[in-house]
C-alpha atoms as a PDB file:
ATOM      1  CA  UNK A   1     -82.699 -79.391  63.337  1.00  0.00           C
ATOM      2  CA  UNK A   2     -79.708 -79.702  61.000  1.00  0.00           C
ATOM      3  CA  UNK A   3     -77.356 -78.623  63.794  1.00  0.00           C
ATOM      4  CA  UNK A   4     -78.535 -81.614  65.810  1.00  0.00           C
ATOM      5  CA  UNK A   5     -78.201 -83.972  62.851  1.00  0.00           C
ATOM      6  CA  UNK A   6     -74.702 -82.694  62.050  1.00  0.00           C
ATOM      7  CA  UNK A   7     -73.429 -83.351  65.556  1.00  0.00           C
ATOM      8  CA  UNK A   8     -72.844 -87.089  65.053  1.00  0.00           C
ATOM      9  CA  UNK A   9     -70.524 -86.824  62.046  1.00  0.00           C
ATOM     10  CA  UNK A  10     -68.938 -83.622  63.393  1.00  0.00           C
ATOM     11  CA  UNK A  11     -67.917 -85.674  66.424  1.00  0.00           C
ATOM     12  CA  UNK A  12     -66.527 -88.380  64.117  1.00  0.00           C
ATOM     13  CA  UNK A  13     -64.563 -85.837  62.061  1.00  0.00           C
ATOM     14  CA  UNK A  14     -63.007 -84.400  65.221  1.00  0.00           C
ATOM     15  CA  UNK A  15     -62.272 -87.590  67.164  1.00  0.00           C
ATOM     16  CA  UNK A  16     -61.757 -90.295  64.516  1.00  0.00           C
ATOM     17  CA  UNK A  17     -60.444 -88.269  61.581  1.00  0.00           C
ATOM     18  CA  UNK A  18     -58.488 -85.477  63.293  1.00  0.00           C
ATOM     19  CA  UNK A  19     -57.705 -87.521  66.411  1.00  0.00           C
ATOM     20  CA  UNK A  20     -58.382 -84.575  68.721  1.00  0.00           C
ATOM     21  CA  UNK A  21     -57.833 -85.278  72.414  1.00  0.00           C
ATOM     22  CA  UNK A  22     -58.585 -83.414  75.619  1.00  0.00           C
ATOM     23  CA  UNK A  23     -56.242 -80.450  76.079  1.00  0.00           C
ATOM     24  CA  UNK A  24     -55.454 -80.028  72.367  1.00  0.00           C
ATOM     25  CA  UNK A  25     -55.509 -76.592  70.768  1.00  0.00           C
ATOM     26  CA  UNK A  26     -57.461 -76.874  67.519  1.00  0.00           C
ATOM     27  CA  UNK A  27     -57.694 -74.174  64.845  1.00  0.00           C
ATOM     28  CA  UNK A  28     -60.926 -74.329  62.841  1.00  0.00           C
ATOM     29  CA  UNK A  29     -60.557 -72.350  59.591  1.00  0.00           C
ATOM     30  CA  UNK A  30     -63.731 -71.310  57.806  1.00  0.00           C
ATOM     31  CA  UNK A  31     -65.585 -68.633  55.867  1.00  0.00           C
ATOM     32  CA  UNK A  32     -69.028 -67.111  56.354  1.00  0.00           C
ATOM     33  CA  UNK A  33     -70.896 -69.500  54.043  1.00  0.00           C
ATOM     34  CA  UNK A  34     -69.659 -72.538  56.019  1.00  0.00           C
ATOM     35  CA  UNK A  35     -70.229 -71.128  59.497  1.00  0.00           C
ATOM     36  CA  UNK A  36     -72.948 -73.622  60.589  1.00  0.00           C
ATOM     37  CA  UNK A  37     -70.645 -76.560  59.750  1.00  0.00           C
ATOM     38  CA  UNK A  38     -67.636 -74.888  61.392  1.00  0.00           C
ATOM     39  CA  UNK A  39     -69.658 -74.237  64.540  1.00  0.00           C
ATOM     40  CA  UNK A  40     -70.720 -77.901  64.679  1.00  0.00           C
ATOM     41  CA  UNK A  41     -67.055 -78.910  64.364  1.00  0.00           C
ATOM     42  CA  UNK A  42     -65.946 -76.379  66.998  1.00  0.00           C
ATOM     43  CA  UNK A  43     -68.657 -77.648  69.356  1.00  0.00           C
ATOM     44  CA  UNK A  44     -67.392 -81.208  68.876  1.00  0.00           C
ATOM     45  CA  UNK A  45     -63.835 -80.033  69.640  1.00  0.00           C
ATOM     46  CA  UNK A  46     -65.047 -78.370  72.848  1.00  0.00           C
ATOM     47  CA  UNK A  47     -67.072 -81.442  73.835  1.00  0.00           C
ATOM     48  CA  UNK A  48     -63.965 -83.642  74.021  1.00  0.00           C
ATOM     49  CA  UNK A  49     -62.170 -81.188  76.297  1.00  0.00           C
ATOM     50  CA  UNK A  50     -60.027 -79.534  73.634  1.00  0.00           C
ATOM     51  CA  UNK A  51     -59.904 -75.808  72.914  1.00  0.00           C
ATOM     52  CA  UNK A  52     -61.356 -74.641  69.576  1.00  0.00           C
ATOM     53  CA  UNK A  53     -59.936 -71.494  67.979  1.00  0.00           C
ATOM     54  CA  UNK A  54     -62.459 -70.474  65.324  1.00  0.00           C
ATOM     55  CA  UNK A  55     -60.929 -68.331  62.552  1.00  0.00           C
ATOM     56  CA  UNK A  56     -63.049 -66.798  59.789  1.00  0.00           C
ATOM     57  CA  UNK A  57     -61.366 -65.580  56.606  1.00  0.00           C
ATOM     58  CA  UNK A  58     -62.493 -63.950  53.393  1.00  0.00           C
ATOM     59  CA  UNK A  59     -63.195 -66.767  50.884  1.00  0.00           C
ATOM     60  CA  UNK A  60     -60.203 -67.511  48.679  1.00  0.00           C
ATOM     61  CA  UNK A  61     -60.525 -66.369  45.081  1.00  0.00           C
ATOM     62  CA  UNK A  62     -59.380 -69.729  43.723  1.00  0.00           C
ATOM     63  CA  UNK A  63     -58.545 -73.242  44.861  1.00  0.00           C
ATOM     64  CA  UNK A  64     -54.960 -73.478  46.070  1.00  0.00           C
ATOM     65  CA  UNK A  65     -54.677 -69.833  47.143  1.00  0.00           C
ATOM     66  CA  UNK A  66     -52.846 -69.446  50.436  1.00  0.00           C
ATOM     67  CA  UNK A  67     -54.832 -68.516  53.561  1.00  0.00           C
ATOM     68  CA  UNK A  68     -53.877 -65.251  55.314  1.00  0.00           C
ATOM     69  CA  UNK A  69     -50.499 -65.408  57.027  1.00  0.00           C
ATOM     70  CA  UNK A  70     -51.889 -65.126  60.600  1.00  0.00           C
ATOM     71  CA  UNK A  71     -54.049 -68.185  59.947  1.00  0.00           C
ATOM     72  CA  UNK A  72     -51.089 -70.045  58.432  1.00  0.00           C
ATOM     73  CA  UNK A  73     -49.078 -69.285  61.578  1.00  0.00           C
ATOM     74  CA  UNK A  74     -51.945 -70.469  63.791  1.00  0.00           C
ATOM     75  CA  UNK A  75     -52.115 -73.745  61.857  1.00  0.00           C
ATOM     76  CA  UNK A  76     -48.401 -74.280  62.518  1.00  0.00           C
ATOM     77  CA  UNK A  77     -48.610 -73.641  66.243  1.00  0.00           C
ATOM     78  CA  UNK A  78     -51.805 -75.645  66.897  1.00  0.00           C
ATOM     79  CA  UNK A  79     -51.994 -79.315  67.796  1.00  0.00           C
ATOM     80  CA  UNK A  80     -54.475 -79.759  64.972  1.00  0.00           C
ATOM     81  CA  UNK A  81     -56.278 -77.765  62.282  1.00  0.00           C
ATOM     82  CA  UNK A  82     -59.602 -78.376  60.578  1.00  0.00           C
ATOM     83  CA  UNK A  83     -60.414 -76.432  57.395  1.00  0.00           C
ATOM     84  CA  UNK A  84     -64.105 -75.986  56.567  1.00  0.00           C
ATOM     85  CA  UNK A  85     -63.891 -73.975  53.345  1.00  0.00           C
ATOM     86  CA  UNK A  86     -65.428 -73.552  49.907  1.00  0.00           C
ATOM     87  CA  UNK A  87     -62.187 -72.990  47.983  1.00  0.00           C
ATOM     88  CA  UNK A  88     -59.520 -75.553  48.744  1.00  0.00           C
ATOM     89  CA  UNK A  89     -56.454 -74.653  50.803  1.00  0.00           C
ATOM     90  CA  UNK A  90     -55.208 -78.254  50.723  1.00  0.00           C
ATOM     91  CA  UNK A  91     -52.380 -77.754  48.224  1.00  0.00           C
ATOM     92  CA  UNK A  92     -50.758 -74.763  49.914  1.00  0.00           C
ATOM     93  CA  UNK A  93     -47.552 -73.909  51.727  1.00  0.00           C
ATOM     94  CA  UNK A  94     -49.706 -73.287  54.827  1.00  0.00           C
ATOM     95  CA  UNK A  95     -50.715 -76.949  55.010  1.00  0.00           C
ATOM     96  CA  UNK A  96     -47.257 -78.203  54.055  1.00  0.00           C
ATOM     97  CA  UNK A  97     -45.530 -76.033  56.684  1.00  0.00           C
ATOM     98  CA  UNK A  98     -48.072 -76.858  59.406  1.00  0.00           C
ATOM     99  CA  UNK A  99     -47.640 -80.601  58.994  1.00  0.00           C
ATOM    100  CA  UNK A 100     -43.878 -80.262  58.637  1.00  0.00           C
ATOM    101  CA  UNK A 101     -43.921 -78.523  62.021  1.00  0.00           C
ATOM    102  CA  UNK A 102     -45.774 -81.428  63.648  1.00  0.00           C
ATOM    103  CA  UNK A 103     -49.368 -80.236  63.497  1.00  0.00           C
ATOM    104  CA  UNK A 104     -51.999 -82.503  61.969  1.00  0.00           C
ATOM    105  CA  UNK A 105     -55.074 -81.561  60.033  1.00  0.00           C
ATOM    106  CA  UNK A 106     -58.121 -82.488  58.007  1.00  0.00           C
ATOM    107  CA  UNK A 107     -59.756 -80.481  55.245  1.00  0.00           C
ATOM    108  CA  UNK A 108     -63.520 -80.406  54.652  1.00  0.00           C
ATOM    109  CA  UNK A 109     -63.596 -78.620  51.297  1.00  0.00           C
ATOM    110  CA  UNK A 110     -66.912 -77.811  49.562  1.00  0.00           C
ATOM    111  CA  UNK A 111     -68.767 -79.454  52.447  1.00  0.00           C
ATOM    112  CA  UNK A 112     -72.507 -78.962  52.600  1.00  0.00           C
ATOM    113  CA  UNK A 113     -74.621 -79.459  55.697  1.00  0.00           C
ATOM    114  CA  UNK A 114     -76.106 -82.568  54.058  1.00  0.00           C
ATOM    115  CA  UNK A 115     -72.604 -84.049  53.671  1.00  0.00           C
ATOM    116  CA  UNK A 116     -72.163 -83.602  57.416  1.00  0.00           C
ATOM    117  CA  UNK A 117     -75.316 -85.695  57.944  1.00  0.00           C
ATOM    118  CA  UNK A 118     -74.798 -88.584  55.502  1.00  0.00           C
ATOM    119  CA  UNK A 119     -72.409 -89.707  52.764  1.00  0.00           C
ATOM    120  CA  UNK A 120     -68.716 -90.499  52.601  1.00  0.00           C
ATOM    121  CA  UNK A 121     -68.054 -89.408  56.182  1.00  0.00           C
ATOM    122  CA  UNK A 122     -70.045 -92.461  57.294  1.00  0.00           C
ATOM    123  CA  UNK A 123     -67.319 -94.738  55.885  1.00  0.00           C
ATOM    124  CA  UNK A 124     -65.444 -97.277  58.023  1.00  0.00           C
ATOM    125  CA  UNK A 125     -62.023 -95.651  57.740  1.00  0.00           C
ATOM    126  CA  UNK A 126     -60.252 -98.185  59.944  1.00  0.00           C
ATOM    127  CA  UNK A 127     -61.447-101.009  57.681  1.00  0.00           C
ATOM    128  CA  UNK A 128     -60.413 -99.193  54.477  1.00  0.00           C
ATOM    129  CA  UNK A 129     -56.985 -98.233  55.837  1.00  0.00           C
ATOM    130  CA  UNK A 130     -55.080-101.454  54.936  1.00  0.00           C
ATOM    131  CA  UNK A 131     -56.228-101.375  51.301  1.00  0.00           C
ATOM    132  CA  UNK A 132     -55.392 -97.687  51.027  1.00  0.00           C
ATOM    133  CA  UNK A 133     -51.890 -98.197  52.412  1.00  0.00           C
ATOM    134  CA  UNK A 134     -51.299-101.192  50.137  1.00  0.00           C
ATOM    135  CA  UNK A 135     -52.321 -99.225  47.045  1.00  0.00           C
ATOM    136  CA  UNK A 136     -50.076 -96.299  48.005  1.00  0.00           C
ATOM    137  CA  UNK A 137     -47.189 -98.719  48.503  1.00  0.00           C
ATOM    138  CA  UNK A 138     -47.827-100.235  45.067  1.00  0.00           C
ATOM    139  CA  UNK A 139     -47.747 -96.803  43.386  1.00  0.00           C
ATOM    140  CA  UNK A 140     -44.702 -95.505  45.272  1.00  0.00           C
ATOM    141  CA  UNK A 141     -41.454 -95.267  43.331  1.00  0.00           C
ATOM    142  CA  UNK A 142     -42.802 -96.959  40.201  1.00  0.00           C
ATOM    143  CA  UNK A 143     -40.641 -96.653  37.104  1.00  0.00           C
ATOM    144  CA  UNK A 144     -43.670 -96.781  34.803  1.00  0.00           C
ATOM    145  CA  UNK A 145     -47.354 -96.349  35.556  1.00  0.00           C
ATOM    146  CA  UNK A 146     -49.938 -96.702  32.796  1.00  0.00           C
ATOM    147  CA  UNK A 147     -53.552 -95.606  33.265  1.00  0.00           C
ATOM    148  CA  UNK A 148     -56.239 -96.633  30.757  1.00  0.00           C
ATOM    149  CA  UNK A 149     -60.047 -96.495  30.607  1.00  0.00           C
ATOM    150  CA  UNK A 150     -62.630 -97.710  28.067  1.00  0.00           C
ATOM    151  CA  UNK A 151     -63.434 -94.036  27.365  1.00  0.00           C
ATOM    152  CA  UNK A 152     -60.048 -93.193  25.845  1.00  0.00           C
ATOM    153  CA  UNK A 153     -57.660 -92.401  28.686  1.00  0.00           C
ATOM    154  CA  UNK A 154     -54.171 -93.754  27.995  1.00  0.00           C
ATOM    155  CA  UNK A 155     -51.564 -92.001  30.133  1.00  0.00           C
ATOM    156  CA  UNK A 156     -48.074 -93.141  31.126  1.00  0.00           C
ATOM    157  CA  UNK A 157     -45.535 -91.573  33.468  1.00  0.00           C
ATOM    158  CA  UNK A 158     -42.784 -92.344  35.961  1.00  0.00           C
ATOM    159  CA  UNK A 159     -43.027 -91.969  39.730  1.00  0.00           C
ATOM    160  CA  UNK A 160     -39.493 -93.179  40.372  1.00  0.00           C
ATOM    161  CA  UNK A 161     -38.254 -91.870  43.715  1.00  0.00           C
ATOM    162  CA  UNK A 162     -41.669 -90.488  44.682  1.00  0.00           C
ATOM    163  CA  UNK A 163     -43.489 -91.455  47.870  1.00  0.00           C
ATOM    164  CA  UNK A 164     -46.951 -92.978  47.837  1.00  0.00           C
ATOM    165  CA  UNK A 165     -49.586 -91.152  49.887  1.00  0.00           C
ATOM    166  CA  UNK A 166     -52.330 -93.057  51.714  1.00  0.00           C
ATOM    167  CA  UNK A 167     -55.137 -90.719  52.732  1.00  0.00           C
ATOM    168  CA  UNK A 168     -57.764 -92.634  54.692  1.00  0.00           C
ATOM    169  CA  UNK A 169     -59.335 -89.805  56.713  1.00  0.00           C
ATOM    170  CA  UNK A 170     -57.356 -90.493  59.893  1.00  0.00           C
ATOM    171  CA  UNK A 171     -54.251 -88.468  60.762  1.00  0.00           C
ATOM    172  CA  UNK A 172     -51.327 -88.589  63.144  1.00  0.00           C
ATOM    173  CA  UNK A 173     -48.962 -85.735  64.020  1.00  0.00           C
ATOM    174  CA  UNK A 174     -47.320 -84.370  60.897  1.00  0.00           C
ATOM    175  CA  UNK A 175     -50.054 -85.622  58.564  1.00  0.00           C
ATOM    176  CA  UNK A 176     -53.052 -84.138  56.774  1.00  0.00           C
ATOM    177  CA  UNK A 177     -55.993 -85.734  54.992  1.00  0.00           C
ATOM    178  CA  UNK A 178     -58.942 -84.549  52.952  1.00  0.00           C
ATOM    179  CA  UNK A 179     -62.267 -85.881  54.255  1.00  0.00           C
ATOM    180  CA  UNK A 180     -64.293 -87.920  53.284  1.00  0.00           C
ATOM    181  CA  UNK A 181     -62.272 -89.015  50.262  1.00  0.00           C
ATOM    182  CA  UNK A 182     -60.230 -92.146  50.860  1.00  0.00           C
ATOM    183  CA  UNK A 183     -57.487 -92.291  48.264  1.00  0.00           C
ATOM    184  CA  UNK A 184     -54.026 -93.584  47.507  1.00  0.00           C
ATOM    185  CA  UNK A 185     -51.966 -91.315  45.302  1.00  0.00           C
ATOM    186  CA  UNK A 186     -48.538 -90.567  43.932  1.00  0.00           C
ATOM    187  CA  UNK A 187     -47.117 -87.516  42.169  1.00  0.00           C
ATOM    188  CA  UNK A 188     -45.546 -88.233  38.754  1.00  0.00           C
ATOM    189  CA  UNK A 189     -42.041 -87.004  38.068  1.00  0.00           C
ATOM    190  CA  UNK A 190     -42.331 -83.650  36.360  1.00  0.00           C
ATOM    191  CA  UNK A 191     -41.979 -83.896  32.583  1.00  0.00           C
ATOM    192  CA  UNK A 192     -42.584 -87.658  32.318  1.00  0.00           C
ATOM    193  CA  UNK A 193     -46.346 -87.886  31.660  1.00  0.00           C
ATOM    194  CA  UNK A 194     -47.562 -88.347  28.118  1.00  0.00           C
ATOM    195  CA  UNK A 195     -50.707 -89.576  26.403  1.00  0.00           C
ATOM    196  CA  UNK A 196     -54.384 -88.690  26.826  1.00  0.00           C
ATOM    197  CA  UNK A 197     -56.715 -88.039  29.765  1.00  0.00           C
ATOM    198  CA  UNK A 198     -60.457 -88.463  29.231  1.00  0.00           C
ATOM    199  CA  UNK A 199     -62.497 -87.420  32.267  1.00  0.00           C
ATOM    200  CA  UNK A 200     -65.977 -88.943  32.079  1.00  0.00           C
ATOM    201  CA  UNK A 201     -67.268 -88.524  35.646  1.00  0.00           C
ATOM    202  CA  UNK A 202     -66.555 -85.160  37.262  1.00  0.00           C
ATOM    203  CA  UNK A 203     -64.387 -82.060  37.410  1.00  0.00           C
ATOM    204  CA  UNK A 204     -65.712 -80.631  40.693  1.00  0.00           C
ATOM    205  CA  UNK A 205     -64.296 -77.113  40.370  1.00  0.00           C
ATOM    206  CA  UNK A 206     -65.225 -73.685  38.934  1.00  0.00           C
ATOM    207  CA  UNK A 207     -68.863 -74.715  38.531  1.00  0.00           C
ATOM    208  CA  UNK A 208     -68.218 -77.700  36.258  1.00  0.00           C
ATOM    209  CA  UNK A 209     -69.171 -80.582  38.584  1.00  0.00           C
ATOM    210  CA  UNK A 210     -70.665 -83.762  37.119  1.00  0.00           C
ATOM    211  CA  UNK A 211     -69.765 -84.150  33.460  1.00  0.00           C
ATOM    212  CA  UNK A 212     -72.440 -84.190  30.764  1.00  0.00           C
ATOM    213  CA  UNK A 213     -69.888 -85.215  28.143  1.00  0.00           C
ATOM    214  CA  UNK A 214     -66.229 -86.286  28.275  1.00  0.00           C
ATOM    215  CA  UNK A 215     -63.400 -83.773  28.635  1.00  0.00           C
ATOM    216  CA  UNK A 216     -60.241 -84.833  26.784  1.00  0.00           C
ATOM    217  CA  UNK A 217     -56.721 -83.558  27.455  1.00  0.00           C
ATOM    218  CA  UNK A 218     -53.641 -84.311  25.369  1.00  0.00           C
ATOM    219  CA  UNK A 219     -50.444 -84.565  27.419  1.00  0.00           C
ATOM    220  CA  UNK A 220     -46.810 -84.208  26.379  1.00  0.00           C
ATOM    221  CA  UNK A 221     -43.675 -83.830  28.494  1.00  0.00           C
ATOM    222  CA  UNK A 222     -45.642 -83.751  31.726  1.00  0.00           C
ATOM    223  CA  UNK A 223     -48.142 -81.043  30.798  1.00  0.00           C
ATOM    224  CA  UNK A 224     -51.537 -80.696  29.157  1.00  0.00           C
ATOM    225  CA  UNK A 225     -51.070 -79.192  25.682  1.00  0.00           C
ATOM    226  CA  UNK A 226     -54.701 -79.162  24.506  1.00  0.00           C
ATOM    227  CA  UNK A 227     -58.233 -79.596  25.872  1.00  0.00           C
ATOM    228  CA  UNK A 228     -61.253 -80.672  23.823  1.00  0.00           C
ATOM    229  CA  UNK A 229     -64.914 -81.499  24.355  1.00  0.00           C
ATOM    230  CA  UNK A 230     -68.085 -79.500  24.839  1.00  0.00           C
ATOM    231  CA  UNK A 231     -69.113 -76.578  27.033  1.00  0.00           C
ATOM    232  CA  UNK A 232     -67.547 -77.971  30.207  1.00  0.00           C
ATOM    233  CA  UNK A 233     -64.218 -78.565  28.447  1.00  0.00           C
ATOM    234  CA  UNK A 234     -64.256 -74.949  27.297  1.00  0.00           C
ATOM    235  CA  UNK A 235     -64.901 -73.823  30.883  1.00  0.00           C
ATOM    236  CA  UNK A 236     -61.803 -75.711  32.055  1.00  0.00           C
ATOM    237  CA  UNK A 237     -59.715 -74.460  29.146  1.00  0.00           C
ATOM    238  CA  UNK A 238     -60.706 -70.825  29.737  1.00  0.00           C
ATOM    239  CA  UNK A 239     -60.143 -70.997  33.487  1.00  0.00           C
ATOM    240  CA  UNK A 240     -56.659 -72.487  33.162  1.00  0.00           C
ATOM    241  CA  UNK A 241     -55.688 -69.932  30.509  1.00  0.00           C
ATOM    242  CA  UNK A 242     -56.867 -67.108  32.774  1.00  0.00           C
ATOM    243  CA  UNK A 243     -54.348 -68.117  35.458  1.00  0.00           C
ATOM    244  CA  UNK A 244     -51.419 -66.989  33.270  1.00  0.00           C
ATOM    245  CA  UNK A 245     -49.334 -69.719  34.884  1.00  0.00           C
ATOM    246  CA  UNK A 246     -47.866 -72.575  32.798  1.00  0.00           C
ATOM    247  CA  UNK A 247     -47.641 -74.727  35.921  1.00  0.00           C
ATOM    248  CA  UNK A 248     -51.437 -75.152  36.056  1.00  0.00           C
ATOM    249  CA  UNK A 249     -51.044 -77.664  33.198  1.00  0.00           C
ATOM    250  CA  UNK A 250     -48.638 -79.848  35.179  1.00  0.00           C
ATOM    251  CA  UNK A 251     -49.659 -83.498  35.671  1.00  0.00           C
ATOM    252  CA  UNK A 252     -49.472 -83.472  39.458  1.00  0.00           C
ATOM    253  CA  UNK A 253     -51.143 -86.629  40.723  1.00  0.00           C
ATOM    254  CA  UNK A 254     -52.808 -89.937  40.095  1.00  0.00           C
ATOM    255  CA  UNK A 255     -55.264 -90.795  42.854  1.00  0.00           C
ATOM    256  CA  UNK A 256     -57.332 -93.955  43.377  1.00  0.00           C
ATOM    257  CA  UNK A 257     -60.690 -93.548  45.157  1.00  0.00           C
ATOM    258  CA  UNK A 258     -61.430 -96.214  47.786  1.00  0.00           C
ATOM    259  CA  UNK A 259     -64.421 -95.078  49.887  1.00  0.00           C
ATOM    260  CA  UNK A 260     -67.547 -97.203  49.210  1.00  0.00           C
ATOM    261  CA  UNK A 261     -69.714 -94.605  50.989  1.00  0.00           C
ATOM    262  CA  UNK A 262     -68.783 -91.801  48.591  1.00  0.00           C
ATOM    263  CA  UNK A 263     -70.927 -91.076  45.533  1.00  0.00           C
ATOM    264  CA  UNK A 264     -70.764 -88.698  42.599  1.00  0.00           C
ATOM    265  CA  UNK A 265     -72.556 -85.497  43.606  1.00  0.00           C
ATOM    266  CA  UNK A 266     -70.390 -82.828  41.949  1.00  0.00           C
ATOM    267  CA  UNK A 267     -68.468 -81.926  45.125  1.00  0.00           C
ATOM    268  CA  UNK A 268     -64.730 -82.504  45.194  1.00  0.00           C
ATOM    269  CA  UNK A 269     -64.073 -84.619  48.278  1.00  0.00           C
ATOM    270  CA  UNK A 270     -67.055 -86.903  47.686  1.00  0.00           C
ATOM    271  CA  UNK A 271     -66.358 -87.407  43.975  1.00  0.00           C
ATOM    272  CA  UNK A 272     -62.612 -88.069  44.413  1.00  0.00           C
ATOM    273  CA  UNK A 273     -63.279 -90.766  46.985  1.00  0.00           C
ATOM    274  CA  UNK A 274     -65.761 -92.862  44.988  1.00  0.00           C
ATOM    275  CA  UNK A 275     -64.510 -96.449  45.183  1.00  0.00           C
ATOM    276  CA  UNK A 276     -62.973 -97.550  41.897  1.00  0.00           C
ATOM    277  CA  UNK A 277     -62.721 -94.060  40.398  1.00  0.00           C
ATOM    278  CA  UNK A 278     -59.368 -92.488  39.514  1.00  0.00           C
ATOM    279  CA  UNK A 279     -58.485 -88.813  39.311  1.00  0.00           C
ATOM    280  CA  UNK A 280     -55.615 -87.089  37.598  1.00  0.00           C
ATOM    281  CA  UNK A 281     -54.643 -83.961  39.499  1.00  0.00           C
ATOM    282  CA  UNK A 282     -53.190 -81.043  37.584  1.00  0.00           C
ATOM    283  CA  UNK A 283     -51.260 -78.023  38.827  1.00  0.00           C
ATOM    284  CA  UNK A 284     -49.709 -77.927  42.304  1.00  0.00           C
ATOM    285  CA  UNK A 285     -47.994 -81.047  43.666  1.00  0.00           C
ATOM    286  CA  UNK A 286     -45.910 -79.727  46.604  1.00  0.00           C
ATOM    287  CA  UNK A 287     -48.065 -81.437  49.253  1.00  0.00           C
ATOM    288  CA  UNK A 288     -47.892 -84.760  47.399  1.00  0.00           C
ATOM    289  CA  UNK A 289     -44.136 -85.085  47.056  1.00  0.00           C
ATOM    290  CA  UNK A 290     -43.472 -82.912  44.010  1.00  0.00           C
ATOM    291  CA  UNK A 291     -41.854 -79.510  43.526  1.00  0.00           C
ATOM    292  CA  UNK A 292     -44.467 -77.490  41.599  1.00  0.00           C
ATOM    293  CA  UNK A 293     -46.564 -74.706  43.162  1.00  0.00           C
ATOM    294  CA  UNK A 294     -49.144 -73.580  40.634  1.00  0.00           C
ATOM    295  CA  UNK A 295     -52.037 -71.143  40.750  1.00  0.00           C
ATOM    296  CA  UNK A 296     -54.470 -74.046  41.294  1.00  0.00           C
ATOM    297  CA  UNK A 297     -54.896 -77.780  41.699  1.00  0.00           C
ATOM    298  CA  UNK A 298     -57.832 -79.417  39.905  1.00  0.00           C
ATOM    299  CA  UNK A 299     -58.802 -83.082  39.609  1.00  0.00           C
ATOM    300  CA  UNK A 300     -60.129 -84.767  36.470  1.00  0.00           C
ATOM    301  CA  UNK A 301     -62.135 -87.837  37.537  1.00  0.00           C
ATOM    302  CA  UNK A 302     -62.825 -90.953  35.488  1.00  0.00           C
ATOM    303  CA  UNK A 303     -64.496 -94.345  35.909  1.00  0.00           C
ATOM    304  CA  UNK A 304     -63.646 -97.975  35.011  1.00  0.00           C
ATOM    305  CA  UNK A 305     -59.879 -97.314  35.181  1.00  0.00           C
ATOM    306  CA  UNK A 306     -57.114 -99.885  34.863  1.00  0.00           C
ATOM    307  CA  UNK A 307     -53.669 -99.163  36.353  1.00  0.00           C
ATOM    308  CA  UNK A 308     -50.531-101.073  35.395  1.00  0.00           C
ATOM    309  CA  UNK A 309     -47.559-100.480  37.703  1.00  0.00           C
ATOM    310  CA  UNK A 310     -44.261-101.805  36.342  1.00  0.00           C
ATOM    311  CA  UNK A 311     -46.093-104.675  34.662  1.00  0.00           C
ATOM    312  CA  UNK A 312     -48.415-105.436  37.582  1.00  0.00           C
ATOM    313  CA  UNK A 313     -52.156-104.726  37.400  1.00  0.00           C
ATOM    314  CA  UNK A 314     -53.227-103.073  40.678  1.00  0.00           C
ATOM    315  CA  UNK A 315     -56.635-101.820  39.497  1.00  0.00           C
ATOM    316  CA  UNK A 316     -58.713-103.352  36.704  1.00  0.00           C
ATOM    317  CA  UNK A 317     -61.899-101.717  35.451  1.00  0.00           C
ATOM    318  CA  UNK A 318     -62.213-100.014  38.848  1.00  0.00           C
ATOM    319  CA  UNK A 319     -61.682-103.169  40.921  1.00  0.00           C
ATOM    320  CA  UNK A 320     -58.703-103.361  43.285  1.00  0.00           C
ATOM    321  CA  UNK A 321     -56.336-106.236  42.397  1.00  0.00           C
ATOM    322  CA  UNK A 322     -54.005-106.223  45.398  1.00  0.00           C
END
């Protein structure tokens, strides 16, 4: 029965989000655990008169690990790509090169069959689009951005010269978007972030998920220098240390969630999109406008954020002020 129930939002993901049209060649990237979802997506591709190319790979060992080269090449040569995976391939050279070459794509990371039936994918992306683009424009090129929350976050950085990214689950040629998160983001200039991050909502990676207690990170010269908190903080600290890559501590992104249909469930692309939440991405930033390729990209998500951009409040206690 779930295959029937998934068909409606699979069709939306293919036609509205990926913009697939009759005659398109569409690469669907997946792994064995996500095969029912990938098959629903491939069926939706076929139903609109496009040609699905279903590729199954060994699950990546960590988020941000590149897909196999043959799949990366297929993504580049296709009209569109749709990634239905457990470990994220969003922040990879494969995605960057595919979009640079004119392909377009959406990523359905950590998707469950239930998420393909109800949740953030039910959002009205056309209606959210203007707000998302306005927020990205406000963040773009800012000389000073300050993020604060009532829970202790107080982080400042510069995004001077950096583009703003508006990801509203609908793509044109040369673009990619995670689905169903709707977010506006910008990548801080490397080395400029300083202060404290206190994640109180979610870190939807490596089995952490919804937070039982805050995770605090001290930041100097653009990188996390210490992590404190309880068991979940220790999980993050140990995982980052195991990467043996100093770039995993890079402050890579500030993202503002804007999808009123998303809710906190412990899965990345739902949690990031929760309207009024903010995430600080750490690690890789090459797909966001930066220059760092790290061993991973994780997001630390918080609630009730206030963002001051060059003296202008654009988000106050989680409410958009544009």
